[in-house]
Amino acid sequence: RLRSMPLPVGIDLWLMDAMNPDGLANDERHNGNGVDLNRNFPHDWTQVGEPGNWEYSGTGPASEPETQAFMAFVDRIQPELTLWYHQDLFRVSPSNRRDGPLRQRYAQLTGLDYVSVSGGTYTGVAATWVRTTHSPAMSFIIELGPTLSADEADAHADAVLEISQMVLDGEV
């Protein structure tokens, strides 16, 4: 739905269907090399697991072509805000950084819990790479559920536009 919505003047949206086409095609989190791309970004990268491990971070920082392509894309367009959609924890994590109000508002608009994610290894994460290498850019992860109804998709589309307007208006 977001692709067909009229955008307010001053807002450009770049929507990617999937950063991980292999994972999408195979219904799994890893790319064709068995790498969790959200552990493959160079900021704070560390070796996690080995091939087959659910958080395998790859042979080195930005070792995967998908990671390299996304990094080049961000370097080229210099976004003020990037949003990452993952599954399936039903939440947006709080933050005391500049993007905290955006995260909280997004959670309110979509009905997602506004609570921390824990229990994994959080190195080489894409959102962290964007925030640290493209400051003052903001970037955060939205954890969806395993499925998404049409009404939920509409709420997420509306939330994207509202928080984008908050950025444009200088509210953060």
N, C-alpha and C. Protein backbone atom coordinates (compact mmCIF):
# COMPACT_ATOMS: atom_id res chain seq x y z
N ARG A 1 0.82 -1.20 0.00
CA ARG A 1 0.00 0.00 0.00
C ARG A 1 0.86 1.26 0.00
N LEU A 2 1.97 1.23 0.68
CA LEU A 2 2.83 2.42 0.79
C LEU A 2 3.30 2.90 -0.58
N ARG A 3 3.52 1.98 -1.50
CA ARG A 3 3.98 2.36 -2.84
C ARG A 3 2.95 3.21 -3.59
N SER A 4 1.68 3.05 -3.26
CA SER A 4 0.63 3.77 -3.99
C SER A 4 0.12 5.00 -3.25
N MET A 5 0.63 5.25 -2.06
CA MET A 5 0.16 6.40 -1.28
C MET A 5 0.82 7.69 -1.77
N PRO A 6 0.07 8.79 -1.79
CA PRO A 6 0.70 10.06 -2.14
C PRO A 6 1.65 10.49 -1.02
N LEU A 7 2.80 10.98 -1.40
CA LEU A 7 3.79 11.40 -0.41
C LEU A 7 3.74 12.90 -0.20
N PRO A 8 3.88 13.33 1.04
CA PRO A 8 3.97 14.77 1.29
C PRO A 8 5.20 15.35 0.59
N VAL A 9 5.10 16.61 0.20
CA VAL A 9 6.23 17.29 -0.43
C VAL A 9 7.42 17.23 0.51
N GLY A 10 8.57 16.89 -0.03
CA GLY A 10 9.80 16.85 0.76
C GLY A 10 10.17 15.47 1.28
N ILE A 11 9.29 14.50 1.08
CA ILE A 11 9.57 13.15 1.56
C ILE A 11 9.81 12.24 0.35
N ASP A 12 10.95 11.59 0.35
CA ASP A 12 11.26 10.57 -0.64
C ASP A 12 11.35 9.24 0.09
N LEU A 13 10.67 8.23 -0.42
CA LEU A 13 10.76 6.89 0.15
C LEU A 13 11.45 5.97 -0.84
N TRP A 14 12.39 5.21 -0.35
CA TRP A 14 13.06 4.18 -1.13
C TRP A 14 12.67 2.86 -0.50
N LEU A 15 11.88 2.08 -1.19
CA LEU A 15 11.36 0.83 -0.64
C LEU A 15 12.03 -0.36 -1.32
N MET A 16 12.54 -1.26 -0.52
CA MET A 16 13.15 -2.49 -1.03
C MET A 16 12.28 -3.66 -0.60
N ASP A 17 11.92 -4.48 -1.55
CA ASP A 17 11.11 -5.65 -1.22
C ASP A 17 11.85 -6.58 -0.28
N ALA A 18 13.12 -6.79 -0.54
CA ALA A 18 13.91 -7.67 0.32
C ALA A 18 15.39 -7.38 0.08
N MET A 19 16.13 -7.30 1.16
CA MET A 19 17.58 -7.17 1.04
C MET A 19 18.21 -8.54 0.81
N ASN A 20 17.46 -9.57 1.12
CA ASN A 20 17.96 -10.94 1.07
C ASN A 20 17.09 -11.78 0.13
N PRO A 21 17.29 -11.64 -1.19
CA PRO A 21 16.43 -12.38 -2.11
C PRO A 21 16.56 -13.90 -1.98
N ASP A 22 17.74 -14.39 -1.65
CA ASP A 22 17.90 -15.84 -1.45
C ASP A 22 17.08 -16.31 -0.26
N GLY A 23 17.17 -15.58 0.83
CA GLY A 23 16.40 -15.95 2.02
C GLY A 23 14.91 -15.88 1.76
N LEU A 24 14.48 -14.86 1.01
CA LEU A 24 13.06 -14.74 0.68
C LEU A 24 12.60 -15.93 -0.15
N ALA A 25 13.38 -16.27 -1.16
CA ALA A 25 13.01 -17.39 -2.04
C ALA A 25 13.00 -18.73 -1.30
N ASN A 26 13.89 -18.87 -0.33
CA ASN A 26 14.00 -20.13 0.41
C ASN A 26 13.30 -20.12 1.76
N ASP A 27 12.61 -19.01 2.06
CA ASP A 27 11.88 -18.87 3.32
C ASP A 27 12.77 -19.11 4.53
N GLU A 28 13.93 -18.43 4.54
CA GLU A 28 14.84 -18.52 5.67
C GLU A 28 15.59 -17.20 5.85
N ARG A 29 16.28 -17.06 6.96
CA ARG A 29 16.93 -15.79 7.28
C ARG A 29 18.29 -15.62 6.62
N HIS A 30 18.90 -16.69 6.16
CA HIS A 30 20.26 -16.62 5.60
C HIS A 30 20.24 -16.36 4.10
N ASN A 31 21.35 -15.78 3.62
CA ASN A 31 21.49 -15.62 2.17
C ASN A 31 21.98 -16.94 1.57
N GLY A 32 22.32 -16.93 0.30
CA GLY A 32 22.76 -18.15 -0.38
C GLY A 32 24.05 -18.73 0.17
N ASN A 33 24.83 -17.91 0.88
CA ASN A 33 26.08 -18.38 1.50
C ASN A 33 25.89 -18.80 2.95
N GLY A 34 24.65 -18.81 3.41
CA GLY A 34 24.38 -19.21 4.79
C GLY A 34 24.65 -18.13 5.82
N VAL A 35 24.73 -16.87 5.38
CA VAL A 35 25.07 -15.75 6.27
C VAL A 35 23.81 -15.00 6.69
N ASP A 36 23.74 -14.66 7.97
CA ASP A 36 22.71 -13.76 8.49
C ASP A 36 23.18 -12.36 8.14
N LEU A 37 22.58 -11.75 7.14
CA LEU A 37 23.05 -10.44 6.66
C LEU A 37 22.99 -9.37 7.73
N ASN A 38 22.12 -9.52 8.71
CA ASN A 38 22.04 -8.53 9.78
C ASN A 38 23.09 -8.77 10.86
N ARG A 39 24.07 -9.57 10.59
CA ARG A 39 25.26 -9.72 11.44
C ARG A 39 26.52 -9.48 10.61
N ASN A 40 26.34 -9.01 9.35
CA ASN A 40 27.44 -8.92 8.40
C ASN A 40 27.93 -7.50 8.15
N PHE A 41 27.31 -6.50 8.75
CA PHE A 41 27.74 -5.12 8.52
C PHE A 41 29.01 -4.81 9.32
N PRO A 42 29.86 -3.92 8.80
CA PRO A 42 31.19 -3.76 9.39
C PRO A 42 31.26 -3.08 10.75
N HIS A 43 30.26 -2.30 11.12
CA HIS A 43 30.35 -1.66 12.43
C HIS A 43 30.19 -2.71 13.53
N ASP A 44 31.17 -2.78 14.40
CA ASP A 44 31.14 -3.69 15.55
C ASP A 44 30.98 -5.15 15.11
N TRP A 45 31.50 -5.48 13.92
CA TRP A 45 31.40 -6.86 13.43
C TRP A 45 32.28 -7.77 14.27
N THR A 46 31.81 -8.95 14.51
CA THR A 46 32.61 -10.00 15.13
C THR A 46 32.18 -11.33 14.55
N GLN A 47 33.09 -12.27 14.56
CA GLN A 47 32.76 -13.61 14.05
C GLN A 47 31.74 -14.25 14.97
N VAL A 48 30.61 -14.60 14.42
CA VAL A 48 29.55 -15.27 15.17
C VAL A 48 29.24 -16.58 14.45
N GLY A 49 29.35 -17.66 15.16
CA GLY A 49 28.97 -18.97 14.63
C GLY A 49 29.80 -19.39 13.44
N GLU A 50 29.29 -20.39 12.79
CA GLU A 50 29.87 -20.92 11.55
C GLU A 50 28.71 -21.22 10.62
N PRO A 51 29.00 -21.51 9.35
CA PRO A 51 27.89 -21.76 8.42
C PRO A 51 26.89 -22.76 9.02
N GLY A 52 25.63 -22.39 8.91
CA GLY A 52 24.56 -23.21 9.47
C GLY A 52 24.04 -22.68 10.79
N ASN A 53 24.85 -21.88 11.50
CA ASN A 53 24.40 -21.25 12.74
C ASN A 53 23.40 -20.16 12.39
N TRP A 54 22.35 -20.02 13.18
CA TRP A 54 21.29 -19.06 12.85
C TRP A 54 21.76 -17.62 12.83
N GLU A 55 22.88 -17.30 13.49
CA GLU A 55 23.41 -15.93 13.47
C GLU A 55 24.78 -15.85 12.79
N TYR A 56 25.12 -16.81 11.96
CA TYR A 56 26.43 -16.81 11.30
C TYR A 56 26.67 -15.48 10.61
N SER A 57 27.79 -14.81 10.97
CA SER A 57 28.06 -13.45 10.52
C SER A 57 28.90 -13.36 9.26
N GLY A 58 29.31 -14.48 8.70
CA GLY A 58 30.09 -14.45 7.46
C GLY A 58 31.58 -14.59 7.72
N THR A 59 32.34 -14.55 6.63
CA THR A 59 33.79 -14.74 6.73
C THR A 59 34.51 -13.47 7.16
N GLY A 60 33.84 -12.34 7.09
CA GLY A 60 34.43 -11.07 7.49
C GLY A 60 33.39 -9.98 7.38
N PRO A 61 33.72 -8.78 7.87
CA PRO A 61 32.76 -7.68 7.78
C PRO A 61 32.43 -7.35 6.33
N ALA A 62 31.15 -7.21 6.05
CA ALA A 62 30.67 -6.88 4.70
C ALA A 62 31.19 -7.86 3.66
N SER A 63 31.25 -9.12 4.02
CA SER A 63 31.75 -10.15 3.10
C SER A 63 30.72 -10.52 2.03
N GLU A 64 29.47 -10.14 2.23
CA GLU A 64 28.40 -10.60 1.34
C GLU A 64 28.00 -9.53 0.33
N PRO A 65 27.69 -9.96 -0.90
CA PRO A 65 27.34 -8.98 -1.94
C PRO A 65 26.10 -8.16 -1.59
N GLU A 66 25.15 -8.75 -0.89
CA GLU A 66 23.95 -8.00 -0.51
C GLU A 66 24.31 -6.88 0.46
N THR A 67 25.18 -7.17 1.41
CA THR A 67 25.63 -6.15 2.36
C THR A 67 26.35 -5.03 1.62
N GLN A 68 27.25 -5.39 0.74
CA GLN A 68 28.02 -4.40 -0.02
C GLN A 68 27.10 -3.53 -0.87
N ALA A 69 26.10 -4.14 -1.48
CA ALA A 69 25.17 -3.38 -2.32
C ALA A 69 24.36 -2.40 -1.48
N PHE A 70 23.89 -2.85 -0.32
CA PHE A 70 23.12 -1.94 0.51
C PHE A 70 23.99 -0.80 1.02
N MET A 71 25.22 -1.10 1.42
CA MET A 71 26.12 -0.05 1.90
C MET A 71 26.36 0.99 0.81
N ALA A 72 26.57 0.55 -0.42
CA ALA A 72 26.78 1.47 -1.54
C ALA A 72 25.53 2.32 -1.77
N PHE A 73 24.36 1.71 -1.65
CA PHE A 73 23.10 2.42 -1.81
C PHE A 73 22.96 3.53 -0.75
N VAL A 74 23.21 3.19 0.50
CA VAL A 74 23.11 4.18 1.58
C VAL A 74 24.15 5.28 1.40
N ASP A 75 25.36 4.91 1.03
CA ASP A 75 26.40 5.91 0.78
C ASP A 75 25.97 6.88 -0.31
N ARG A 76 25.25 6.38 -1.30
CA ARG A 76 24.84 7.23 -2.43
C ARG A 76 23.68 8.15 -2.07
N ILE A 77 22.64 7.62 -1.39
CA ILE A 77 21.46 8.46 -1.17
C ILE A 77 21.47 9.21 0.15
N GLN A 78 22.30 8.80 1.11
CA GLN A 78 22.42 9.50 2.40
C GLN A 78 21.06 9.72 3.08
N PRO A 79 20.35 8.66 3.41
CA PRO A 79 19.01 8.83 4.01
C PRO A 79 19.07 9.43 5.41
N GLU A 80 18.03 10.16 5.76
CA GLU A 80 17.92 10.67 7.13
C GLU A 80 17.39 9.61 8.08
N LEU A 81 16.63 8.66 7.53
CA LEU A 81 16.01 7.62 8.35
C LEU A 81 15.94 6.33 7.55
N THR A 82 16.35 5.23 8.16
CA THR A 82 16.13 3.92 7.56
C THR A 82 15.36 3.06 8.55
N LEU A 83 14.43 2.30 8.01
CA LEU A 83 13.62 1.38 8.81
C LEU A 83 13.87 -0.03 8.31
N TRP A 84 14.05 -0.94 9.24
CA TRP A 84 14.34 -2.34 8.92
C TRP A 84 13.23 -3.20 9.48
N TYR A 85 12.64 -4.02 8.62
CA TYR A 85 11.56 -4.89 9.06
C TYR A 85 12.07 -6.32 9.21
N HIS A 86 11.90 -6.84 10.40
CA HIS A 86 12.30 -8.21 10.73
C HIS A 86 11.09 -8.97 11.25
N GLN A 87 11.26 -10.25 11.47
CA GLN A 87 10.22 -11.08 12.07
C GLN A 87 10.86 -11.87 13.20
N ASP A 88 10.20 -12.29 14.15
CA ASP A 88 8.80 -12.15 14.47
C ASP A 88 8.60 -11.93 15.95
N LEU A 89 9.08 -10.82 16.43
CA LEU A 89 9.03 -10.53 17.87
C LEU A 89 7.98 -9.50 18.27
N PHE A 90 7.23 -8.96 17.34
CA PHE A 90 6.13 -8.01 17.66
C PHE A 90 6.58 -6.84 18.53
N ARG A 91 7.61 -6.12 18.13
CA ARG A 91 8.06 -5.02 18.99
C ARG A 91 8.93 -4.02 18.26
N VAL A 92 9.05 -2.88 18.91
CA VAL A 92 10.02 -1.86 18.56
C VAL A 92 10.81 -1.61 19.84
N SER A 93 12.13 -1.63 19.74
CA SER A 93 12.95 -1.43 20.93
C SER A 93 13.06 0.05 21.28
N PRO A 94 13.01 0.38 22.57
CA PRO A 94 13.18 1.77 23.00
C PRO A 94 14.60 2.27 22.72
N SER A 95 14.75 3.58 22.75
CA SER A 95 16.06 4.19 22.56
C SER A 95 16.10 5.53 23.27
N ASN A 96 17.26 5.87 23.82
CA ASN A 96 17.42 7.21 24.37
C ASN A 96 18.16 8.11 23.38
N ARG A 97 18.36 7.61 22.16
CA ARG A 97 18.98 8.42 21.11
C ARG A 97 17.93 9.33 20.47
N ARG A 98 18.37 10.09 19.52
CA ARG A 98 17.51 11.05 18.82
C ARG A 98 16.28 10.39 18.22
N ASP A 99 16.39 9.12 17.79
CA ASP A 99 15.26 8.45 17.16
C ASP A 99 14.27 7.86 18.15
N GLY A 100 14.50 8.03 19.45
CA GLY A 100 13.60 7.48 20.46
C GLY A 100 12.14 7.86 20.27
N PRO A 101 11.83 9.15 20.07
CA PRO A 101 10.43 9.53 19.86
C PRO A 101 9.82 8.91 18.60
N LEU A 102 10.62 8.72 17.56
CA LEU A 102 10.11 8.07 16.35
C LEU A 102 9.75 6.62 16.63
N ARG A 103 10.61 5.94 17.34
CA ARG A 103 10.37 4.54 17.68
C ARG A 103 9.09 4.41 18.50
N GLN A 104 8.98 5.27 19.51
CA GLN A 104 7.81 5.20 20.39
C GLN A 104 6.53 5.48 19.61
N ARG A 105 6.56 6.49 18.77
CA ARG A 105 5.37 6.84 17.98
C ARG A 105 5.02 5.72 17.01
N TYR A 106 6.02 5.13 16.39
CA TYR A 106 5.77 4.02 15.46
C TYR A 106 5.08 2.88 16.20
N ALA A 107 5.57 2.54 17.37
CA ALA A 107 4.95 1.46 18.16
C ALA A 107 3.50 1.80 18.50
N GLN A 108 3.26 3.05 18.90
CA GLN A 108 1.89 3.47 19.24
C GLN A 108 0.96 3.33 18.04
N LEU A 109 1.42 3.78 16.89
CA LEU A 109 0.58 3.78 15.69
C LEU A 109 0.28 2.38 15.17
N THR A 110 1.17 1.44 15.43
CA THR A 110 1.01 0.10 14.88
C THR A 110 0.54 -0.93 15.89
N GLY A 111 0.52 -0.55 17.17
CA GLY A 111 0.12 -1.50 18.20
C GLY A 111 1.20 -2.48 18.61
N LEU A 112 2.43 -2.25 18.15
CA LEU A 112 3.53 -3.11 18.56
C LEU A 112 3.98 -2.75 19.97
N ASP A 113 4.49 -3.74 20.68
CA ASP A 113 5.06 -3.47 22.00
C ASP A 113 6.29 -2.58 21.84
N TYR A 114 6.51 -1.75 22.84
CA TYR A 114 7.68 -0.86 22.87
C TYR A 114 8.58 -1.37 23.99
N VAL A 115 9.29 -2.45 23.70
CA VAL A 115 10.14 -3.12 24.69
C VAL A 115 11.42 -3.60 24.02
N SER A 116 12.45 -3.78 24.82
CA SER A 116 13.76 -4.19 24.31
C SER A 116 13.74 -5.61 23.77
N VAL A 117 14.56 -5.82 22.78
CA VAL A 117 14.81 -7.16 22.23
C VAL A 117 16.05 -7.69 22.93
N SER A 118 15.98 -8.93 23.38
CA SER A 118 17.15 -9.52 24.02
C SER A 118 17.27 -10.97 23.60
N GLY A 119 18.40 -11.57 23.93
CA GLY A 119 18.57 -12.99 23.68
C GLY A 119 19.35 -13.34 22.44
N GLY A 120 19.91 -12.37 21.75
CA GLY A 120 20.70 -12.66 20.55
C GLY A 120 22.04 -11.97 20.61
N THR A 121 22.77 -12.08 19.54
CA THR A 121 24.05 -11.40 19.39
C THR A 121 23.81 -10.20 18.49
N TYR A 122 24.18 -9.03 18.94
CA TYR A 122 23.86 -7.82 18.19
C TYR A 122 25.12 -7.10 17.74
N THR A 123 25.92 -7.77 16.93
CA THR A 123 27.09 -7.17 16.31
C THR A 123 26.91 -7.24 14.81
N GLY A 124 27.49 -6.28 14.10
CA GLY A 124 27.36 -6.27 12.65
C GLY A 124 25.96 -5.97 12.16
N VAL A 125 25.17 -5.26 12.96
CA VAL A 125 23.76 -4.99 12.66
C VAL A 125 23.65 -3.81 11.69
N ALA A 126 22.79 -3.96 10.69
CA ALA A 126 22.61 -2.94 9.65
C ALA A 126 22.19 -1.59 10.22
N ALA A 127 21.19 -1.57 11.08
CA ALA A 127 20.70 -0.30 11.63
C ALA A 127 21.79 0.42 12.41
N THR A 128 22.59 -0.31 13.15
CA THR A 128 23.69 0.29 13.91
C THR A 128 24.74 0.85 12.95
N TRP A 129 25.02 0.12 11.88
CA TRP A 129 25.97 0.62 10.88
C TRP A 129 25.50 1.95 10.31
N VAL A 130 24.23 2.06 9.95
CA VAL A 130 23.71 3.31 9.39
C VAL A 130 23.86 4.44 10.40
N ARG A 131 23.43 4.21 11.63
CA ARG A 131 23.49 5.27 12.65
C ARG A 131 24.91 5.74 12.92
N THR A 132 25.87 4.83 12.92
CA THR A 132 27.23 5.20 13.30
C THR A 132 28.06 5.73 12.14
N THR A 133 27.77 5.30 10.94
CA THR A 133 28.59 5.75 9.81
C THR A 133 27.96 6.89 9.03
N HIS A 134 26.70 7.17 9.26
CA HIS A 134 26.00 8.22 8.53
C HIS A 134 25.30 9.20 9.48
N SER A 135 25.91 9.42 10.61
CA SER A 135 25.35 10.34 11.60
C SER A 135 25.16 11.71 10.95
N PRO A 136 24.06 12.37 11.17
CA PRO A 136 23.05 12.14 12.19
C PRO A 136 21.88 11.27 11.74
N ALA A 137 22.08 10.43 10.75
CA ALA A 137 21.00 9.56 10.28
C ALA A 137 20.44 8.72 11.42
N MET A 138 19.17 8.43 11.33
CA MET A 138 18.49 7.59 12.32
C MET A 138 18.12 6.27 11.64
N SER A 139 18.11 5.21 12.42
CA SER A 139 17.83 3.90 11.86
C SER A 139 17.36 2.99 12.98
N PHE A 140 16.27 2.27 12.74
CA PHE A 140 15.84 1.31 13.74
C PHE A 140 15.09 0.15 13.11
N ILE A 141 14.93 -0.89 13.93
CA ILE A 141 14.33 -2.15 13.49
C ILE A 141 12.92 -2.26 14.02
N ILE A 142 12.02 -2.67 13.14
CA ILE A 142 10.65 -2.98 13.52
C ILE A 142 10.51 -4.49 13.44
N GLU A 143 10.17 -5.10 14.55
CA GLU A 143 9.99 -6.55 14.60
C GLU A 143 8.51 -6.86 14.41
N LEU A 144 8.17 -7.36 13.23
CA LEU A 144 6.79 -7.75 12.93
C LEU A 144 6.50 -9.13 13.50
N GLY A 145 5.27 -9.56 13.36
CA GLY A 145 4.92 -10.93 13.70
C GLY A 145 5.18 -11.84 12.51
N PRO A 146 4.85 -13.11 12.63
CA PRO A 146 5.10 -14.05 11.53
C PRO A 146 4.20 -13.82 10.32
N THR A 147 3.07 -13.15 10.52
CA THR A 147 2.18 -12.81 9.41
C THR A 147 1.79 -11.35 9.55
N LEU A 148 1.24 -10.79 8.49
CA LEU A 148 0.84 -9.39 8.49
C LEU A 148 -0.48 -9.27 7.75
N SER A 149 -1.53 -8.86 8.47
CA SER A 149 -2.83 -8.69 7.83
C SER A 149 -2.84 -7.41 7.01
N ALA A 150 -3.85 -7.26 6.18
CA ALA A 150 -3.99 -6.05 5.37
C ALA A 150 -4.15 -4.82 6.27
N ASP A 151 -4.92 -4.95 7.35
CA ASP A 151 -5.10 -3.83 8.28
C ASP A 151 -3.78 -3.46 8.96
N GLU A 152 -3.01 -4.48 9.34
CA GLU A 152 -1.70 -4.21 9.96
C GLU A 152 -0.76 -3.53 8.96
N ALA A 153 -0.76 -4.00 7.72
CA ALA A 153 0.08 -3.39 6.69
C ALA A 153 -0.31 -1.92 6.49
N ASP A 154 -1.61 -1.63 6.51
CA ASP A 154 -2.07 -0.24 6.39
C ASP A 154 -1.57 0.60 7.56
N ALA A 155 -1.63 0.06 8.77
CA ALA A 155 -1.16 0.79 9.95
C ALA A 155 0.34 1.08 9.84
N HIS A 156 1.10 0.12 9.34
CA HIS A 156 2.54 0.33 9.17
C HIS A 156 2.82 1.38 8.10
N ALA A 157 2.07 1.35 7.01
CA ALA A 157 2.24 2.35 5.96
C ALA A 157 1.95 3.75 6.50
N ASP A 158 0.86 3.89 7.24
CA ASP A 158 0.53 5.18 7.85
C ASP A 158 1.61 5.63 8.83
N ALA A 159 2.14 4.68 9.60
CA ALA A 159 3.19 5.01 10.58
C ALA A 159 4.46 5.50 9.88
N VAL A 160 4.82 4.87 8.78
CA VAL A 160 6.00 5.31 8.03
C VAL A 160 5.83 6.75 7.59
N LEU A 161 4.67 7.08 7.06
CA LEU A 161 4.45 8.46 6.61
C LEU A 161 4.45 9.44 7.78
N GLU A 162 3.83 9.06 8.89
CA GLU A 162 3.79 9.98 10.03
C GLU A 162 5.17 10.24 10.61
N ILE A 163 5.97 9.20 10.79
CA ILE A 163 7.29 9.47 11.38
C ILE A 163 8.22 10.14 10.36
N SER A 164 8.00 9.89 9.07
CA SER A 164 8.77 10.61 8.05
C SER A 164 8.45 12.10 8.11
N GLN A 165 7.18 12.41 8.31
CA GLN A 165 6.78 13.81 8.45
C GLN A 165 7.41 14.43 9.70
N MET A 166 7.49 13.66 10.79
CA MET A 166 8.14 14.15 12.01
C MET A 166 9.60 14.53 11.73
N VAL A 167 10.29 13.70 10.94
CA VAL A 167 11.68 14.00 10.58
C VAL A 167 11.74 15.26 9.73
N LEU A 168 10.89 15.33 8.72
CA LEU A 168 10.86 16.49 7.82
C LEU A 168 10.57 17.78 8.59
N ASP A 169 9.66 17.69 9.56
CA ASP A 169 9.28 18.88 10.34
C ASP A 169 10.29 19.23 11.43
N GLY A 170 11.34 18.44 11.55
CA GLY A 170 12.37 18.73 12.55
C GLY A 170 11.95 18.42 13.98
N GLU A 171 10.99 17.51 14.15
CA GLU A 171 10.51 17.17 15.49
C GLU A 171 11.47 16.25 16.23
N VAL A 172 12.48 15.77 15.56
CA VAL A 172 13.50 14.92 16.20
C VAL A 172 14.88 15.43 15.83
